[in-house]
Amino acid sequence: MSEAEASRPILALKGVSKSFGAVRALRDVSLELFGGEAHALAGENGAGKSTLVKTLAGVHRPDGGEILLDGEPVVFDGPAAAQAAGVAVIYQEPTLFPDLSVAENIFMGRQPRTGLRRIDRKAMRARTAALFQRLGVGLDPGQPARGLSIADQQLVEIAKALSRDARVLVMDEPTAALSGNEVARLFGVVEALREQGRAVLFISHRLDEIFELCQRVTTLRDGVRIAGEPVAGLTHEDLIRRMVGRDLGALYPGRQTAPGEVALKVERLTREGVFTDVSFEVRRGEIAALAGLVGAGRSEVARAVFGIDRFDAGKVTVNGARLPAASPTAAMAAGLALVPEDRRQQGLVMEMSIERNIGLTGLSSLRRGPVISRAAERARATDWALRLQLKFARLGDGVGVLSGGNQQKVVLAKWLATNPSVLIVDEPTRGIDVGTKAEVHRLLSELAGQGIAVLMISSDLPEVLGMADRVLVMHEGRLTAEIPRAAATEESVMAAATGRAA
């Protein structure tokens, strides 16, 4: 490769614009992706990141500007054209054929053939093994795709991209559903791709990952490119300021805590094979964080407390009254509310409107005779939309048109409208941008200040340390530590989460 070729980006956007009706999603955006480099794309929800990715993938054609491949203008008429040009997108949730093997998924439609035109399965498995060897991972080519973890499915998609000789790999929120060990393995794969001269565009709301993995970062805000610069020399505060256009000194708002009486009491809760002998209390006016590694049993405890899953032993008491097991209706009546981890699958009805979703938990109060009052439903939704600073066009729009952060606010509105005394929030800021994250933190602090007992489950250690009055740590289904705010550090929490604390 000549010096000129080495200094030339593999793929570049020059002054690209894209509109959808009156909405200008991208405005004169430029981006350069070089071989051997991991390039981060940063920005809040709604900044234009998804539109840019779909433009690179051939899903959208730009209204203005141009795409350059090896310095030459190119037009992607569709995803197939982008793939043929060497551009591959690795989505957060891959879509594999579950009943086919890993090798069959990688070479679907392009299987090697024998001289008799039959599929050469031996050659297909050998080529797959060679791809995994290049990536430094040990997946079995003959293993069925069904049952693979999200992390392994992503590796299969990366291997598929390499099998097509992709030179540019776009990774859209690839770590959102991964454990710490899986993230470390993915980062090793990205390093292997860089060493092979590939260009990687990496999109993540986790700023620590951008600083650890990437060499350059392009920041979008409201569809406009704010900056394109080396990561070296930047601080977290610099990047946040570029993303949101203001300082976020109150990402974890300080507050004086004066916890009241016990609102939620969990005693020796056990579900065989899932969690054992879990006991804790949450008081009015405090935020208690349930921390631990993925798979420690935190969400399962929350589901059992709320009555979604049945437990085998123990008891749950809310405001002094014992809850019957496996009864979410009784839990709601007692003042419990649960914001689940998966807002799209468990927290919202995506086919319904914003106002209908907010009203789901209070249908009896919205009833006027035998029918639901649309006026009461609209008034309830309007009130909570204003309180939570929800960004929307019309309350009658489908909730699916909202950004991830605003969808999270709708779930919160739905449950806060029940006037709970205990709020359980599972991963409240997963997959949302830093600006909305600050708003959610502010809201949780305000709720605690109003006397609500908040139990927050989070895998984000800075969030746990910044928000919690007490940290309850789980390891392999057991509560291993209860750490007051003053003594909570990354080291003490991780020691308990890995079973190293007494």
Protein backbone atom coordinates (compact mmCIF):
# COMPACT_ATOMS: atom_id res chain seq x y z
CA MET A 1 0.00 0.00 0.00
CA SER A 2 1.37 3.41 -0.98
CA GLU A 3 1.67 6.29 1.47
CA ALA A 4 -1.18 8.08 -0.32
CA GLU A 5 -3.43 5.04 0.01
CA ALA A 6 -2.57 4.64 3.69
CA SER A 7 -3.51 8.26 4.38
CA ARG A 8 -6.78 7.97 2.43
CA PRO A 9 -9.95 6.84 4.23
CA ILE A 10 -11.55 3.59 3.12
CA LEU A 11 -15.01 5.12 3.38
CA ALA A 12 -16.05 8.74 3.81
CA LEU A 13 -19.18 10.86 3.96
CA LYS A 14 -18.83 14.37 2.54
CA GLY A 15 -21.52 16.92 3.39
CA VAL A 16 -24.29 14.33 3.63
CA SER A 17 -27.83 15.52 4.39
CA LYS A 18 -31.00 13.48 4.90
CA SER A 19 -34.55 14.59 5.69
CA PHE A 20 -37.75 12.76 6.50
CA GLY A 21 -40.56 15.17 5.72
CA ALA A 22 -39.93 18.29 7.79
CA VAL A 23 -37.41 16.51 10.04
CA ARG A 24 -33.78 17.11 9.03
CA ALA A 25 -32.04 14.03 10.43
CA LEU A 26 -28.58 14.83 9.00
CA ARG A 27 -27.30 18.25 7.94
CA ASP A 28 -24.04 18.54 6.00
CA VAL A 29 -22.35 15.71 7.93
CA SER A 30 -18.83 14.53 7.08
CA LEU A 31 -17.06 11.45 8.44
CA GLU A 32 -13.86 9.60 7.49
CA LEU A 33 -13.15 5.95 8.38
CA PHE A 34 -9.53 4.81 8.07
CA GLY A 35 -8.17 1.28 7.95
CA GLY A 36 -6.66 0.07 11.23
CA GLU A 37 -8.69 2.53 13.28
CA ALA A 38 -11.67 2.27 15.65
CA HIS A 39 -13.76 5.42 15.21
CA ALA A 40 -16.51 6.27 17.73
CA LEU A 41 -19.81 7.90 16.79
CA ALA A 42 -21.20 9.79 19.79
CA GLY A 43 -24.40 11.72 20.38
CA GLU A 44 -27.66 11.74 22.27
CA ASN A 45 -30.72 9.80 21.14
CA GLY A 46 -32.13 11.66 18.16
CA ALA A 47 -28.76 13.14 17.21
CA GLY A 48 -28.77 11.34 13.84
CA LYS A 49 -26.55 8.34 14.58
CA SER A 50 -29.05 5.74 13.35
CA THR A 51 -29.71 7.69 10.15
CA LEU A 52 -25.98 7.92 9.49
CA VAL A 53 -25.54 4.17 10.04
CA LYS A 54 -28.44 3.37 7.70
CA THR A 55 -26.92 5.68 5.10
CA LEU A 56 -23.64 3.78 5.29
CA ALA A 57 -25.55 0.49 5.12
CA GLY A 58 -27.43 1.47 1.97
CA VAL A 59 -30.84 1.59 3.67
CA HIS A 60 -31.15 5.36 3.13
CA ARG A 61 -29.87 7.34 0.16
CA PRO A 62 -28.63 10.83 1.08
CA ASP A 63 -30.56 13.86 -0.20
CA GLY A 64 -27.32 15.78 -0.57
CA GLY A 65 -23.59 15.21 -0.33
CA GLU A 66 -21.76 12.06 -1.37
CA ILE A 67 -20.26 8.79 -0.18
CA LEU A 68 -16.65 8.08 -1.18
CA LEU A 69 -15.13 4.59 -1.33
CA ASP A 70 -11.34 4.68 -1.65
CA GLY A 71 -11.67 8.31 -2.68
CA GLU A 72 -14.17 7.64 -5.49
CA PRO A 73 -17.88 8.62 -5.35
CA VAL A 74 -20.19 5.66 -4.94
CA VAL A 75 -23.98 5.19 -4.73
CA PHE A 76 -25.44 2.42 -2.57
CA ASP A 77 -28.77 1.46 -4.15
CA GLY A 78 -29.53 -0.83 -1.20
CA PRO A 79 -28.00 -2.93 1.56
CA ALA A 80 -26.74 -5.50 -0.94
CA ALA A 81 -24.75 -2.81 -2.74
CA ALA A 82 -23.20 -1.64 0.53
CA GLN A 83 -22.28 -5.22 1.45
CA ALA A 84 -20.74 -5.75 -1.98
CA ALA A 85 -18.65 -2.63 -1.41
CA GLY A 86 -17.33 -4.09 1.84
CA VAL A 87 -19.56 -2.38 4.43
CA ALA A 88 -21.07 -4.56 7.16
CA VAL A 89 -23.31 -3.51 10.06
CA ILE A 90 -23.28 -5.53 13.29
CA TYR A 91 -26.50 -4.72 15.12
CA GLN A 92 -27.13 -4.89 18.87
CA GLU A 93 -29.44 -7.89 18.44
CA PRO A 94 -28.28 -10.11 15.54
CA THR A 95 -30.82 -12.12 13.56
CA LEU A 96 -29.49 -15.61 12.85
CA PHE A 97 -31.33 -18.70 11.63
CA PRO A 98 -31.68 -20.56 14.95
CA ASP A 99 -31.98 -24.07 13.52
CA LEU A 100 -28.90 -23.80 11.30
CA SER A 101 -25.32 -24.25 12.44
CA VAL A 102 -22.91 -21.38 12.97
CA ALA A 103 -21.10 -22.25 9.71
CA GLU A 104 -24.38 -22.45 7.76
CA ASN A 105 -25.39 -19.01 9.04
CA ILE A 106 -22.07 -17.49 8.00
CA PHE A 107 -22.17 -18.89 4.45
CA MET A 108 -25.94 -18.78 3.86
CA GLY A 109 -26.47 -18.42 0.10
CA ARG A 110 -22.72 -18.70 -0.57
CA GLN A 111 -21.96 -22.26 0.55
CA PRO A 112 -18.83 -23.86 -0.96
CA ARG A 113 -19.66 -26.66 -3.41
CA THR A 114 -18.12 -29.97 -4.34
CA GLY A 115 -17.43 -30.95 -7.94
CA LEU A 116 -20.94 -32.47 -8.03
CA ARG A 117 -22.45 -29.10 -6.97
CA ARG A 118 -23.35 -30.38 -3.54
CA ILE A 119 -22.69 -28.29 -0.44
CA ASP A 120 -19.18 -28.99 0.82
CA ARG A 121 -19.89 -29.00 4.56
CA LYS A 122 -16.34 -29.97 5.46
CA ALA A 123 -14.90 -27.01 3.57
CA MET A 124 -17.57 -24.71 5.05
CA ARG A 125 -16.67 -25.74 8.62
CA ALA A 126 -12.93 -25.39 7.85
CA ARG A 127 -13.40 -21.87 6.48
CA THR A 128 -15.51 -20.93 9.51
CA ALA A 129 -12.86 -22.27 11.89
CA ALA A 130 -10.24 -20.20 10.04
CA LEU A 131 -12.38 -17.07 10.42
CA PHE A 132 -12.76 -17.64 14.17
CA GLN A 133 -9.02 -18.23 14.43
CA ARG A 134 -8.38 -14.85 12.80
CA LEU A 135 -10.69 -13.28 15.38
CA GLY A 136 -9.08 -15.15 18.26
CA VAL A 137 -12.29 -16.85 19.46
CA GLY A 138 -13.10 -20.52 19.94
CA LEU A 139 -16.66 -21.04 18.70
CA ASP A 140 -17.62 -24.43 17.25
CA PRO A 141 -18.58 -24.09 13.55
CA GLY A 142 -21.01 -27.00 13.85
CA GLN A 143 -22.87 -25.65 16.86
CA PRO A 144 -26.54 -24.70 16.27
CA ALA A 145 -27.22 -20.95 16.44
CA ARG A 146 -30.12 -21.58 18.80
CA GLY A 147 -28.95 -21.06 22.36
CA LEU A 148 -25.97 -18.86 21.51
CA SER A 149 -25.55 -15.84 23.75
CA ILE A 150 -25.97 -12.36 22.25
CA ALA A 151 -22.18 -11.98 22.46
CA ASP A 152 -21.57 -15.18 20.48
CA GLN A 153 -24.23 -14.22 17.92
CA GLN A 154 -22.41 -10.94 17.35
CA LEU A 155 -19.16 -12.84 16.78
CA VAL A 156 -20.94 -14.97 14.17
CA GLU A 157 -22.09 -11.78 12.41
CA ILE A 158 -18.53 -10.40 12.51
CA ALA A 159 -17.20 -13.66 11.04
CA LYS A 160 -19.88 -13.45 8.33
CA ALA A 161 -18.69 -9.94 7.49
CA LEU A 162 -15.10 -11.15 7.21
CA SER A 163 -16.22 -14.02 4.99
CA ARG A 164 -17.57 -11.35 2.62
CA ASP A 165 -14.23 -9.52 2.88
CA ALA A 166 -15.82 -6.52 4.61
CA ARG A 167 -13.38 -3.65 5.03
CA VAL A 168 -15.66 -1.43 7.14
CA LEU A 169 -17.54 -2.84 10.15
CA VAL A 170 -20.17 -0.70 11.85
CA MET A 171 -20.96 -1.85 15.42
CA ASP A 172 -24.22 -0.31 16.66
CA GLU A 173 -24.44 -0.49 20.49
CA PRO A 174 -22.76 -3.94 20.49
CA THR A 175 -22.09 -4.05 24.24
CA ALA A 176 -25.55 -3.06 25.55
CA ALA A 177 -26.52 -6.63 26.47
CA LEU A 178 -23.06 -8.04 27.24
CA SER A 179 -21.37 -8.93 30.52
CA GLY A 180 -17.96 -7.55 31.47
CA ASN A 181 -16.09 -10.62 30.23
CA GLU A 182 -18.03 -10.60 26.95
CA VAL A 183 -17.23 -6.91 26.43
CA ALA A 184 -13.52 -7.63 27.00
CA ARG A 185 -13.64 -10.43 24.42
CA LEU A 186 -15.40 -8.16 21.90
CA PHE A 187 -12.74 -5.49 22.41
CA GLY A 188 -10.08 -8.11 21.67
CA VAL A 189 -11.89 -8.93 18.43
CA VAL A 190 -11.97 -5.24 17.48
CA GLU A 191 -8.21 -5.04 18.07
CA ALA A 192 -7.75 -8.06 15.79
CA LEU A 193 -9.84 -6.34 13.10
CA ARG A 194 -7.73 -3.20 13.38
CA GLU A 195 -4.53 -5.23 13.00
CA GLN A 196 -5.96 -6.68 9.79
CA GLY A 197 -6.47 -3.16 8.42
CA ARG A 198 -10.25 -2.99 8.81
CA ALA A 199 -12.04 0.22 9.74
CA VAL A 200 -14.44 -0.01 12.68
CA LEU A 201 -17.20 2.50 13.43
CA PHE A 202 -18.19 1.98 17.07
CA ILE A 203 -21.40 3.39 18.57
CA SER A 204 -21.97 3.27 22.32
CA HIS A 205 -23.65 5.31 25.06
CA ARG A 206 -20.94 4.08 27.44
CA LEU A 207 -18.32 6.78 27.34
CA ASP A 208 -15.72 4.63 29.14
CA GLU A 209 -15.82 2.20 26.19
CA ILE A 210 -15.19 4.99 23.69
CA PHE A 211 -12.13 6.15 25.62
CA GLU A 212 -10.81 2.61 26.05
CA LEU A 213 -11.31 1.33 22.50
CA CYS A 214 -11.34 4.16 19.97
CA GLN A 215 -8.71 6.40 18.44
CA ARG A 216 -11.03 9.04 16.98
CA VAL A 217 -14.56 10.24 17.74
CA THR A 218 -17.16 12.11 15.72
CA THR A 219 -19.92 13.80 17.72
CA LEU A 220 -23.38 14.56 16.34
CA ARG A 221 -25.97 16.87 17.87
CA ASP A 222 -29.39 17.48 16.30
CA GLY A 223 -28.20 16.04 13.00
CA VAL A 224 -25.12 18.28 12.81
CA ARG A 225 -21.48 17.22 13.11
CA ILE A 226 -20.17 19.06 16.15
CA ALA A 227 -16.62 17.69 16.15
CA GLY A 228 -14.36 15.04 14.67
CA GLU A 229 -11.18 14.64 16.70
CA PRO A 230 -8.67 12.27 18.33
CA VAL A 231 -9.83 10.66 21.58
CA ALA A 232 -6.39 11.26 23.12
CA GLY A 233 -6.49 14.52 25.02
CA LEU A 234 -10.28 14.54 25.43
CA THR A 235 -11.96 14.19 28.81
CA HIS A 236 -15.37 12.72 29.60
CA GLU A 237 -16.59 16.24 30.35
CA ASP A 238 -15.36 17.49 26.95
CA LEU A 239 -17.26 14.78 25.12
CA ILE A 240 -20.44 15.25 27.15
CA ARG A 241 -20.34 18.99 26.47
CA ARG A 242 -20.10 18.34 22.73
CA MET A 243 -22.97 15.82 22.87
CA VAL A 244 -25.48 17.87 24.85
CA GLY A 245 -24.29 21.43 24.31
CA ARG A 246 -23.98 22.15 28.02
CA ASP A 247 -22.13 21.04 31.12
CA LEU A 248 -23.66 18.18 33.11
CA GLY A 249 -22.17 18.81 36.51
CA ALA A 250 -25.26 17.26 38.08
CA LEU A 251 -25.16 13.89 36.33
CA TYR A 252 -25.54 12.44 39.83
CA PRO A 253 -27.46 15.12 41.74
CA GLY A 254 -26.43 15.54 45.34
CA ARG A 255 -29.09 15.46 48.03
CA GLN A 256 -29.37 15.28 51.78
CA THR A 257 -30.96 11.99 52.78
CA ALA A 258 -33.13 11.50 55.85
CA PRO A 259 -34.63 8.03 55.38
CA GLY A 260 -37.95 7.39 57.07
CA GLU A 261 -39.67 4.19 58.08
CA VAL A 262 -39.21 0.89 56.29
CA ALA A 263 -41.39 0.75 53.17
CA LEU A 264 -40.16 -2.55 51.65
CA LYS A 265 -38.90 -5.49 53.68
CA VAL A 266 -37.67 -8.70 52.07
CA GLU A 267 -36.96 -11.62 54.40
CA ARG A 268 -35.07 -14.79 53.48
CA LEU A 269 -36.48 -14.86 49.97
CA THR A 270 -35.51 -18.05 48.12
CA ARG A 271 -36.22 -19.48 44.70
CA GLU A 272 -34.51 -22.81 44.17
CA GLY A 273 -31.66 -22.61 41.67
CA VAL A 274 -32.02 -18.85 41.20
CA PHE A 275 -31.45 -17.00 44.49
CA THR A 276 -31.16 -18.03 48.14
CA ASP A 277 -31.92 -16.43 51.51
CA VAL A 278 -32.08 -12.83 50.28
CA SER A 279 -32.99 -10.27 52.97
CA PHE A 280 -32.93 -6.47 52.82
CA GLU A 281 -34.95 -3.34 53.61
CA VAL A 282 -35.62 -0.12 51.69
CA ARG A 283 -36.76 2.96 53.61
CA ARG A 284 -38.87 5.87 52.49
CA GLY A 285 -36.77 8.68 51.05
CA GLU A 286 -33.73 6.59 50.15
CA ILE A 287 -32.28 5.02 47.03
CA ALA A 288 -30.93 1.53 47.60
CA ALA A 289 -28.98 0.01 44.71
CA LEU A 290 -28.98 -3.71 43.99
CA ALA A 291 -25.60 -4.30 42.34
CA GLY A 292 -23.74 -7.33 41.02
CA LEU A 293 -22.56 -8.97 37.84
CA VAL A 294 -24.90 -10.12 35.08
CA GLY A 295 -26.51 -13.38 36.18
CA ALA A 296 -26.20 -12.67 39.92
CA GLY A 297 -29.99 -12.88 40.33
CA ARG A 298 -30.86 -9.19 40.81
CA SER A 299 -33.67 -8.94 38.25
CA GLU A 300 -35.04 -12.31 39.38
CA VAL A 301 -35.31 -11.03 42.96
CA ALA A 302 -37.17 -7.93 41.72
CA ARG A 303 -39.60 -10.05 39.69
CA ALA A 304 -40.28 -12.25 42.71
CA VAL A 305 -40.80 -9.25 45.00
CA PHE A 306 -43.33 -7.78 42.54
CA GLY A 307 -45.10 -11.13 42.17
CA ILE A 308 -44.27 -11.90 38.55
CA ASP A 309 -42.33 -15.04 39.54
CA ARG A 310 -43.23 -17.34 42.40
CA PHE A 311 -40.70 -17.84 45.20
CA ASP A 312 -40.27 -20.99 47.29
CA ALA A 313 -39.62 -19.47 50.72
CA GLY A 314 -39.44 -16.15 52.54
CA LYS A 315 -41.79 -13.18 52.65
CA VAL A 316 -42.23 -9.66 51.27
CA THR A 317 -43.72 -6.85 53.34
CA VAL A 318 -44.81 -3.46 52.00
CA ASN A 319 -45.64 -0.71 54.51
CA GLY A 320 -46.06 -3.33 57.20
CA ALA A 321 -48.45 -5.57 55.26
CA ARG A 322 -47.33 -8.96 53.98
CA LEU A 323 -47.82 -9.50 50.25
CA PRO A 324 -49.29 -12.72 48.88
CA ALA A 325 -46.86 -14.58 46.62
CA ALA A 326 -47.07 -14.39 42.83
CA SER A 327 -49.64 -11.58 42.65
CA PRO A 328 -48.61 -8.41 40.77
CA THR A 329 -52.15 -7.08 41.29
CA ALA A 330 -51.71 -7.29 45.07
CA ALA A 331 -48.26 -5.72 44.79
CA MET A 332 -49.66 -2.75 42.84
CA ALA A 333 -52.52 -2.34 45.31
CA ALA A 334 -49.99 -2.27 48.17
CA GLY A 335 -48.01 0.55 46.51
CA LEU A 336 -45.31 -1.31 44.56
CA ALA A 337 -44.26 -0.30 41.05
CA LEU A 338 -41.75 -2.08 38.80
CA VAL A 339 -40.00 -0.51 35.81
CA PRO A 340 -38.55 -3.58 34.00
CA GLU A 341 -35.15 -3.88 32.35
CA ASP A 342 -36.50 -4.52 28.84
CA ARG A 343 -38.76 -1.54 28.22
CA ARG A 344 -39.72 -2.59 24.69
CA GLN A 345 -40.72 -6.17 25.49
CA GLN A 346 -41.95 -5.86 29.09
CA GLY A 347 -42.60 -2.18 29.78
CA LEU A 348 -44.50 -0.93 26.73
CA VAL A 349 -47.08 -2.04 24.20
CA MET A 350 -45.26 -0.83 21.11
CA GLU A 351 -48.38 -0.90 18.90
CA MET A 352 -50.21 1.51 21.22
CA SER A 353 -50.01 5.29 21.50
CA ILE A 354 -48.02 7.22 24.07
CA GLU A 355 -51.14 8.24 26.00
CA ARG A 356 -52.59 4.72 25.96
CA ASN A 357 -49.35 3.28 27.37
CA ILE A 358 -49.27 5.84 30.18
CA GLY A 359 -52.86 5.03 31.07
CA LEU A 360 -52.51 1.22 31.18
CA THR A 361 -51.82 1.03 34.92
CA GLY A 362 -54.84 3.14 35.87
CA LEU A 363 -57.67 1.95 33.65
CA SER A 364 -60.12 1.72 36.57
CA SER A 365 -59.57 5.40 37.46
CA LEU A 366 -60.05 6.40 33.81
CA ARG A 367 -63.33 4.52 33.44
CA ARG A 368 -66.51 6.50 33.03
CA GLY A 369 -69.27 3.95 33.24
CA PRO A 370 -68.51 0.98 30.99
CA VAL A 371 -65.94 2.80 28.80
CA ILE A 372 -62.54 4.45 29.18
CA SER A 373 -62.73 8.24 29.03
CA ARG A 374 -60.44 9.45 26.27
CA ALA A 375 -60.43 12.93 27.83
CA ALA A 376 -59.29 11.54 31.21
CA GLU A 377 -56.66 9.39 29.48
CA ARG A 378 -55.35 12.39 27.55
CA ALA A 379 -55.30 14.59 30.67
CA ARG A 380 -53.38 11.97 32.65
CA ALA A 381 -50.83 11.52 29.84
CA THR A 382 -50.43 15.29 29.34
CA ASP A 383 -49.78 15.80 33.05
CA TRP A 384 -47.02 13.17 33.22
CA ALA A 385 -45.51 14.17 29.89
CA LEU A 386 -45.02 17.68 31.26
CA ARG A 387 -43.69 16.45 34.61
CA LEU A 388 -41.10 14.19 32.98
CA GLN A 389 -40.24 16.63 30.16
CA LEU A 390 -41.20 14.07 27.54
CA LYS A 391 -40.24 14.99 23.96
CA PHE A 392 -42.95 14.02 21.48
CA ALA A 393 -44.95 15.34 18.53
CA ARG A 394 -48.45 14.13 19.55
CA LEU A 395 -49.60 12.00 22.47
CA GLY A 396 -51.64 9.97 19.99
CA ASP A 397 -48.48 8.88 18.14
CA GLY A 398 -47.24 5.32 18.54
CA VAL A 399 -44.76 4.94 21.38
CA GLY A 400 -42.35 3.27 18.93
CA VAL A 401 -41.54 6.61 17.26
CA LEU A 402 -39.92 7.92 20.46
CA SER A 403 -36.21 7.74 21.23
CA GLY A 404 -35.05 5.16 23.77
CA GLY A 405 -34.76 7.76 26.52
CA ASN A 406 -38.29 9.04 25.94
CA GLN A 407 -39.64 5.49 25.85
CA GLN A 408 -38.05 5.01 29.27
CA LYS A 409 -39.84 8.13 30.49
CA VAL A 410 -43.17 6.72 29.28
CA VAL A 411 -42.59 3.55 31.31
CA LEU A 412 -41.74 5.68 34.35
CA ALA A 413 -44.85 7.81 33.79
CA LYS A 414 -47.02 4.71 33.55
CA TRP A 415 -45.90 3.51 36.97
CA LEU A 416 -45.54 6.87 38.73
CA ALA A 417 -49.16 7.57 37.83
CA THR A 418 -50.11 4.77 40.27
CA ASN A 419 -48.71 6.93 43.12
CA PRO A 420 -46.42 4.16 44.45
CA SER A 421 -44.70 4.15 47.84
CA VAL A 422 -42.00 1.77 46.56
CA LEU A 423 -40.46 2.08 43.08
CA ILE A 424 -38.27 -0.70 41.71
CA VAL A 425 -36.32 0.37 38.60
CA ASP A 426 -34.27 -2.23 36.72
CA GLU A 427 -31.40 -0.75 34.65
CA PRO A 428 -33.16 2.65 34.41
CA THR A 429 -30.58 4.25 32.08
CA ARG A 430 -29.48 1.32 29.88
CA GLY A 431 -29.31 2.31 26.23
CA ILE A 432 -30.15 5.99 26.73
CA ASP A 433 -27.93 8.97 26.09
CA VAL A 434 -26.03 10.93 28.69
CA GLY A 435 -28.38 13.93 28.67
CA THR A 436 -31.48 11.82 29.27
CA LYS A 437 -29.52 9.80 31.83
CA ALA A 438 -29.00 12.99 33.85
CA GLU A 439 -32.76 13.67 33.67
CA VAL A 440 -33.60 10.16 34.91
CA HIS A 441 -31.12 10.55 37.79
CA ARG A 442 -32.68 13.90 38.68
CA LEU A 443 -36.14 12.33 38.64
CA LEU A 444 -35.14 9.41 40.88
CA SER A 445 -33.56 11.84 43.35
CA GLU A 446 -36.72 13.95 43.37
CA LEU A 447 -38.90 10.89 43.97
CA ALA A 448 -36.73 9.85 46.90
CA GLY A 449 -36.96 13.42 48.20
CA GLN A 450 -40.75 13.10 48.09
CA GLY A 451 -40.57 10.08 50.39
CA ILE A 452 -40.75 7.25 47.85
CA ALA A 453 -38.53 4.23 48.58
CA VAL A 454 -36.45 3.52 45.46
CA LEU A 455 -34.77 0.17 44.75
CA MET A 456 -32.49 0.65 41.74
CA ILE A 457 -30.90 -2.30 39.92
CA SER A 458 -27.92 -1.21 37.84
CA SER A 459 -24.86 -2.70 36.16
CA ASP A 460 -23.38 0.78 35.73
CA LEU A 461 -20.96 1.07 38.66
CA PRO A 462 -20.52 4.87 38.48
CA GLU A 463 -24.33 5.14 38.53
CA VAL A 464 -24.54 2.91 41.60
CA LEU A 465 -21.90 4.92 43.45
CA GLY A 466 -23.33 8.26 42.35
CA MET A 467 -26.98 7.56 43.17
CA ALA A 468 -27.27 5.04 46.01
CA ASP A 469 -27.55 5.73 49.73
CA ARG A 470 -26.83 2.04 50.31
CA VAL A 471 -25.45 -0.59 47.97
CA LEU A 472 -26.79 -4.14 48.23
CA VAL A 473 -24.46 -6.50 46.36
CA MET A 474 -25.40 -9.92 45.00
CA HIS A 475 -23.14 -12.76 43.90
CA GLU A 476 -24.43 -16.05 42.44
CA GLY A 477 -27.91 -15.67 43.90
CA ARG A 478 -26.89 -14.51 47.38
CA LEU A 479 -26.69 -11.10 48.99
CA THR A 480 -23.01 -10.80 49.89
CA ALA A 481 -22.70 -7.23 51.18
CA GLU A 482 -24.61 -4.15 52.29
CA ILE A 483 -22.38 -1.08 51.92
CA PRO A 484 -23.33 2.42 53.11
CA ARG A 485 -22.71 5.30 50.72
CA ALA A 486 -19.69 6.58 52.61
CA ALA A 487 -17.89 3.23 52.34
CA ALA A 488 -18.95 2.31 48.81
CA THR A 489 -16.11 2.30 46.27
CA GLU A 490 -15.59 0.51 42.96
CA GLU A 491 -13.21 -1.85 44.73
CA SER A 492 -15.54 -2.70 47.62
CA VAL A 493 -18.55 -3.26 45.36
CA MET A 494 -16.63 -5.38 42.85
CA ALA A 495 -15.05 -7.43 45.63
CA ALA A 496 -18.52 -8.32 46.91
CA ALA A 497 -19.88 -8.86 43.38
CA THR A 498 -17.16 -11.40 42.63
CA GLY A 499 -17.48 -13.22 45.93
CA ARG A 500 -14.22 -11.91 47.40
CA ALA A 501 -15.81 -9.97 50.28
CA ALA A 502 -16.66 -11.57 53.55
